[in-house]
Amino acid sequence: MTLSKKGSRKIVVGNVEYRWTISATTRGRFVLIVEHGKEKGQRIEVQIQSDINEL
């Protein structure tokens, strides 16, 4: 499954285009997803623990 252009953002690193997005999972946890912008293939997912919304 590839990221759609709607809802993701483009970043260019060394003339290579990637798409990225951040999605919320459980409370206090987010996932950063990055994929190649032109070709289908693998993705990288980074889980981020955050207390930004904790009161």
PDB file of N, CA and C in Angstrom:
ATOM      1  N   MET A   1       0.840  -1.169   0.000  1.00  0.00           N
ATOM      2  CA  MET A   1       0.000   0.000   0.000  1.00  0.00           C
ATOM      3  C   MET A   1       0.887   1.234   0.000  1.00  0.00           C
ATOM      4  N   THR A   2       0.592   2.176  -0.868  1.00  0.00           N
ATOM      5  CA  THR A   2       1.391   3.391  -0.935  1.00  0.00           C
ATOM      6  C   THR A   2       0.628   4.562  -0.327  1.00  0.00           C
ATOM      7  N   LEU A   3       1.374   5.552   0.085  1.00  0.00           N
ATOM      8  CA  LEU A   3       0.752   6.753   0.626  1.00  0.00           C
ATOM      9  C   LEU A   3       0.146   7.561  -0.514  1.00  0.00           C
ATOM     10  N   SER A   4      -1.035   8.079  -0.306  1.00  0.00           N
ATOM     11  CA  SER A   4      -1.651   8.926  -1.324  1.00  0.00           C
ATOM     12  C   SER A   4      -1.048  10.328  -1.247  1.00  0.00           C
ATOM     13  N   LYS A   5      -1.128  11.052  -2.343  1.00  0.00           N
ATOM     14  CA  LYS A   5      -0.624  12.421  -2.342  1.00  0.00           C
ATOM     15  C   LYS A   5      -1.471  13.296  -1.431  1.00  0.00           C
ATOM     16  N   LYS A   6      -2.767  12.987  -1.376  1.00  0.00           N
ATOM     17  CA  LYS A   6      -3.645  13.712  -0.470  1.00  0.00           C
ATOM     18  C   LYS A   6      -3.429  13.157   0.933  1.00  0.00           C
ATOM     19  N   GLY A   7      -3.071  13.996   1.858  1.00  0.00           N
ATOM     20  CA  GLY A   7      -2.868  13.549   3.228  1.00  0.00           C
ATOM     21  C   GLY A   7      -1.421  13.245   3.573  1.00  0.00           C
ATOM     22  N   SER A   8      -0.527  13.315   2.584  1.00  0.00           N
ATOM     23  CA  SER A   8       0.901  13.121   2.865  1.00  0.00           C
ATOM     24  C   SER A   8       1.669  14.317   2.313  1.00  0.00           C
ATOM     25  N   ARG A   9       2.913  14.409   2.694  1.00  0.00           N
ATOM     26  CA  ARG A   9       3.753  15.518   2.253  1.00  0.00           C
ATOM     27  C   ARG A   9       4.973  14.990   1.522  1.00  0.00           C
ATOM     28  N   LYS A  10       5.524  15.820   0.648  1.00  0.00           N
ATOM     29  CA  LYS A  10       6.694  15.443  -0.132  1.00  0.00           C
ATOM     30  C   LYS A  10       7.959  15.994   0.524  1.00  0.00           C
ATOM     31  N   ILE A  11       9.022  15.207   0.468  1.00  0.00           N
ATOM     32  CA  ILE A  11      10.347  15.652   0.878  1.00  0.00           C
ATOM     33  C   ILE A  11      11.331  15.116  -0.155  1.00  0.00           C
ATOM     34  N   VAL A  12      12.340  15.916  -0.497  1.00  0.00           N
ATOM     35  CA  VAL A  12      13.349  15.511  -1.478  1.00  0.00           C
ATOM     36  C   VAL A  12      14.694  15.434  -0.772  1.00  0.00           C
ATOM     37  N   VAL A  13      15.339  14.275  -0.879  1.00  0.00           N
ATOM     38  CA  VAL A  13      16.653  14.052  -0.269  1.00  0.00           C
ATOM     39  C   VAL A  13      17.586  13.575  -1.368  1.00  0.00           C
ATOM     40  N   GLY A  14      18.605  14.373  -1.703  1.00  0.00           N
ATOM     41  CA  GLY A  14      19.566  13.984  -2.734  1.00  0.00           C
ATOM     42  C   GLY A  14      18.901  13.701  -4.072  1.00  0.00           C
ATOM     43  N   ASN A  15      17.969  14.529  -4.494  1.00  0.00           N
ATOM     44  CA  ASN A  15      17.218  14.382  -5.750  1.00  0.00           C
ATOM     45  C   ASN A  15      16.286  13.177  -5.776  1.00  0.00           C
ATOM     46  N   VAL A  16      16.004  12.567  -4.639  1.00  0.00           N
ATOM     47  CA  VAL A  16      15.066  11.447  -4.558  1.00  0.00           C
ATOM     48  C   VAL A  16      13.838  11.929  -3.787  1.00  0.00           C
ATOM     49  N   GLU A  17      12.666  11.724  -4.372  1.00  0.00           N
ATOM     50  CA  GLU A  17      11.431  12.173  -3.755  1.00  0.00           C
ATOM     51  C   GLU A  17      10.854  11.086  -2.855  1.00  0.00           C
ATOM     52  N   TYR A  18      10.421  11.496  -1.664  1.00  0.00           N
ATOM     53  CA  TYR A  18       9.753  10.616  -0.711  1.00  0.00           C
ATOM     54  C   TYR A  18       8.441  11.267  -0.295  1.00  0.00           C
ATOM     55  N   ARG A  19       7.500  10.461   0.200  1.00  0.00           N
ATOM     56  CA  ARG A  19       6.251  10.950   0.771  1.00  0.00           C
ATOM     57  C   ARG A  19       6.243  10.552   2.245  1.00  0.00           C
ATOM     58  N   TRP A  20       5.711  11.419   3.107  1.00  0.00           N
ATOM     59  CA  TRP A  20       5.665  11.103   4.522  1.00  0.00           C
ATOM     60  C   TRP A  20       4.363  11.589   5.142  1.00  0.00           C
ATOM     61  N   THR A  21       3.989  10.961   6.231  1.00  0.00           N
ATOM     62  CA  THR A  21       2.828  11.365   7.010  1.00  0.00           C
ATOM     63  C   THR A  21       3.024  10.916   8.456  1.00  0.00           C
ATOM     64  N   ILE A  22       2.274  11.536   9.338  1.00  0.00           N
ATOM     65  CA  ILE A  22       2.272  11.125  10.745  1.00  0.00           C
ATOM     66  C   ILE A  22       0.846  10.766  11.105  1.00  0.00           C
ATOM     67  N   SER A  23       0.669   9.617  11.757  1.00  0.00           N
ATOM     68  CA  SER A  23      -0.667   9.209  12.180  1.00  0.00           C
ATOM     69  C   SER A  23      -0.654   8.881  13.663  1.00  0.00           C
ATOM     70  N   ALA A  24      -1.755   9.200  14.306  1.00  0.00           N
ATOM     71  CA  ALA A  24      -1.888   8.894  15.729  1.00  0.00           C
ATOM     72  C   ALA A  24      -2.382   7.466  15.888  1.00  0.00           C
ATOM     73  N   THR A  25      -1.837   6.765  16.860  1.00  0.00           N
ATOM     74  CA  THR A  25      -2.298   5.407  17.155  1.00  0.00           C
ATOM     75  C   THR A  25      -3.002   5.460  18.504  1.00  0.00           C
ATOM     76  N   THR A  26      -2.400   4.898  19.508  1.00  0.00           N
ATOM     77  CA  THR A  26      -2.994   4.946  20.849  1.00  0.00           C
ATOM     78  C   THR A  26      -2.597   6.251  21.520  1.00  0.00           C
ATOM     79  N   ARG A  27      -3.158   6.486  22.657  1.00  0.00           N
ATOM     80  CA  ARG A  27      -2.898   7.732  23.383  1.00  0.00           C
ATOM     81  C   ARG A  27      -1.403   7.901  23.664  1.00  0.00           C
ATOM     82  N   GLY A  28      -0.872   9.039  23.247  1.00  0.00           N
ATOM     83  CA  GLY A  28       0.529   9.336  23.494  1.00  0.00           C
ATOM     84  C   GLY A  28       1.492   8.671  22.538  1.00  0.00           C
ATOM     85  N   ARG A  29       1.013   8.083  21.464  1.00  0.00           N
ATOM     86  CA  ARG A  29       1.892   7.402  20.519  1.00  0.00           C
ATOM     87  C   ARG A  29       1.522   7.811  19.091  1.00  0.00           C
ATOM     88  N   PHE A  30       2.558   8.108  18.292  1.00  0.00           N
ATOM     89  CA  PHE A  30       2.388   8.478  16.900  1.00  0.00           C
ATOM     90  C   PHE A  30       3.257   7.581  16.038  1.00  0.00           C
ATOM     91  N   VAL A  31       2.932   7.489  14.748  1.00  0.00           N
ATOM     92  CA  VAL A  31       3.744   6.726  13.812  1.00  0.00           C
ATOM     93  C   VAL A  31       4.097   7.622  12.637  1.00  0.00           C
ATOM     94  N   LEU A  32       5.398   7.771  12.363  1.00  0.00           N
ATOM     95  CA  LEU A  32       5.899   8.471  11.189  1.00  0.00           C
ATOM     96  C   LEU A  32       6.085   7.426  10.095  1.00  0.00           C
ATOM     97  N   ILE A  33       5.454   7.638   8.933  1.00  0.00           N
ATOM     98  CA  ILE A  33       5.540   6.701   7.820  1.00  0.00           C
ATOM     99  C   ILE A  33       6.192   7.416   6.642  1.00  0.00           C
ATOM    100  N   VAL A  34       7.233   6.793   6.067  1.00  0.00           N
ATOM    101  CA  VAL A  34       7.951   7.366   4.925  1.00  0.00           C
ATOM    102  C   VAL A  34       8.047   6.315   3.830  1.00  0.00           C
ATOM    103  N   GLU A  35       7.763   6.726   2.577  1.00  0.00           N
ATOM    104  CA  GLU A  35       7.857   5.838   1.422  1.00  0.00           C
ATOM    105  C   GLU A  35       8.509   6.564   0.257  1.00  0.00           C
ATOM    106  N   HIS A  36       9.049   5.799  -0.681  1.00  0.00           N
ATOM    107  CA  HIS A  36       9.593   6.363  -1.916  1.00  0.00           C
ATOM    108  C   HIS A  36       8.463   7.059  -2.654  1.00  0.00           C
ATOM    109  N   GLY A  37       8.732   8.212  -3.246  1.00  0.00           N
ATOM    110  CA  GLY A  37       7.691   9.002  -3.871  1.00  0.00           C
ATOM    111  C   GLY A  37       7.205   8.496  -5.208  1.00  0.00           C
ATOM    112  N   LYS A  38       8.010   7.751  -5.942  1.00  0.00           N
ATOM    113  CA  LYS A  38       7.654   7.343  -7.298  1.00  0.00           C
ATOM    114  C   LYS A  38       7.435   5.837  -7.446  1.00  0.00           C
ATOM    115  N   GLU A  39       8.183   5.028  -6.715  1.00  0.00           N
ATOM    116  CA  GLU A  39       8.132   3.576  -6.893  1.00  0.00           C
ATOM    117  C   GLU A  39       7.480   2.909  -5.689  1.00  0.00           C
ATOM    118  N   LYS A  40       6.761   1.833  -5.951  1.00  0.00           N
ATOM    119  CA  LYS A  40       6.197   1.043  -4.862  1.00  0.00           C
ATOM    120  C   LYS A  40       7.305   0.210  -4.242  1.00  0.00           C
ATOM    121  N   GLY A  41       7.199  -0.005  -2.976  1.00  0.00           N
ATOM    122  CA  GLY A  41       8.221  -0.796  -2.303  1.00  0.00           C
ATOM    123  C   GLY A  41       8.036  -0.742  -0.806  1.00  0.00           C
ATOM    124  N   GLN A  42       9.122  -0.819  -0.105  1.00  0.00           N
ATOM    125  CA  GLN A  42       9.060  -0.862   1.343  1.00  0.00           C
ATOM    126  C   GLN A  42       8.816   0.519   1.918  1.00  0.00           C
ATOM    127  N   ARG A  43       8.364   0.500   3.146  1.00  0.00           N
ATOM    128  CA  ARG A  43       8.154   1.739   3.876  1.00  0.00           C
ATOM    129  C   ARG A  43       8.896   1.654   5.193  1.00  0.00           C
ATOM    130  N   ILE A  44       9.156   2.796   5.763  1.00  0.00           N
ATOM    131  CA  ILE A  44       9.736   2.835   7.102  1.00  0.00           C
ATOM    132  C   ILE A  44       8.681   3.438   8.024  1.00  0.00           C
ATOM    133  N   GLU A  45       8.510   2.808   9.161  1.00  0.00           N
ATOM    134  CA  GLU A  45       7.568   3.284  10.169  1.00  0.00           C
ATOM    135  C   GLU A  45       8.322   3.471  11.476  1.00  0.00           C
ATOM    136  N   VAL A  46       8.222   4.670  12.034  1.00  0.00           N
ATOM    137  CA  VAL A  46       8.903   4.991  13.282  1.00  0.00           C
ATOM    138  C   VAL A  46       7.845   5.314  14.326  1.00  0.00           C
ATOM    139  N   GLN A  47       7.818   4.559  15.415  1.00  0.00           N
ATOM    140  CA  GLN A  47       6.870   4.824  16.494  1.00  0.00           C
ATOM    141  C   GLN A  47       7.472   5.839  17.446  1.00  0.00           C
ATOM    142  N   ILE A  48       6.679   6.857  17.763  1.00  0.00           N
ATOM    143  CA  ILE A  48       7.144   7.966  18.596  1.00  0.00           C
ATOM    144  C   ILE A  48       6.263   8.052  19.829  1.00  0.00           C
ATOM    145  N   GLN A  49       6.872   7.970  20.986  1.00  0.00           N
ATOM    146  CA  GLN A  49       6.151   8.123  22.260  1.00  0.00           C
ATOM    147  C   GLN A  49       6.165   9.597  22.614  1.00  0.00           C
ATOM    148  N   SER A  50       5.003  10.150  22.978  1.00  0.00           N
ATOM    149  CA  SER A  50       4.910  11.568  23.287  1.00  0.00           C
ATOM    150  C   SER A  50       3.940  11.796  24.434  1.00  0.00           C
ATOM    151  N   ASP A  51       4.234  12.767  25.237  1.00  0.00           N
ATOM    152  CA  ASP A  51       3.308  13.148  26.299  1.00  0.00           C
ATOM    153  C   ASP A  51       2.705  14.513  26.019  1.00  0.00           C
ATOM    154  N   ILE A  52       2.692  14.919  24.752  1.00  0.00           N
ATOM    155  CA  ILE A  52       2.230  16.256  24.380  1.00  0.00           C
ATOM    156  C   ILE A  52       0.764  16.491  24.730  1.00  0.00           C
ATOM    157  N   ASN A  53      -0.068  15.461  24.678  1.00  0.00           N
ATOM    158  CA  ASN A  53      -1.494  15.625  24.979  1.00  0.00           C
ATOM    159  C   ASN A  53      -1.875  15.127  26.371  1.00  0.00           C
ATOM    160  N   GLU A  54      -0.900  14.794  27.166  1.00  0.00           N
ATOM    161  CA  GLU A  54      -1.165  14.318  28.519  1.00  0.00           C
ATOM    162  C   GLU A  54      -1.392  15.500  29.449  1.00  0.00           C
ATOM    163  N   LEU A  55      -2.389  15.415  30.304  1.00  0.00           N
ATOM    164  CA  LEU A  55      -2.655  16.486  31.278  1.00  0.00           C
ATOM    165  C   LEU A  55      -2.542  15.981  32.678  1.00  0.00           C
TER     166      LEU A  55
END
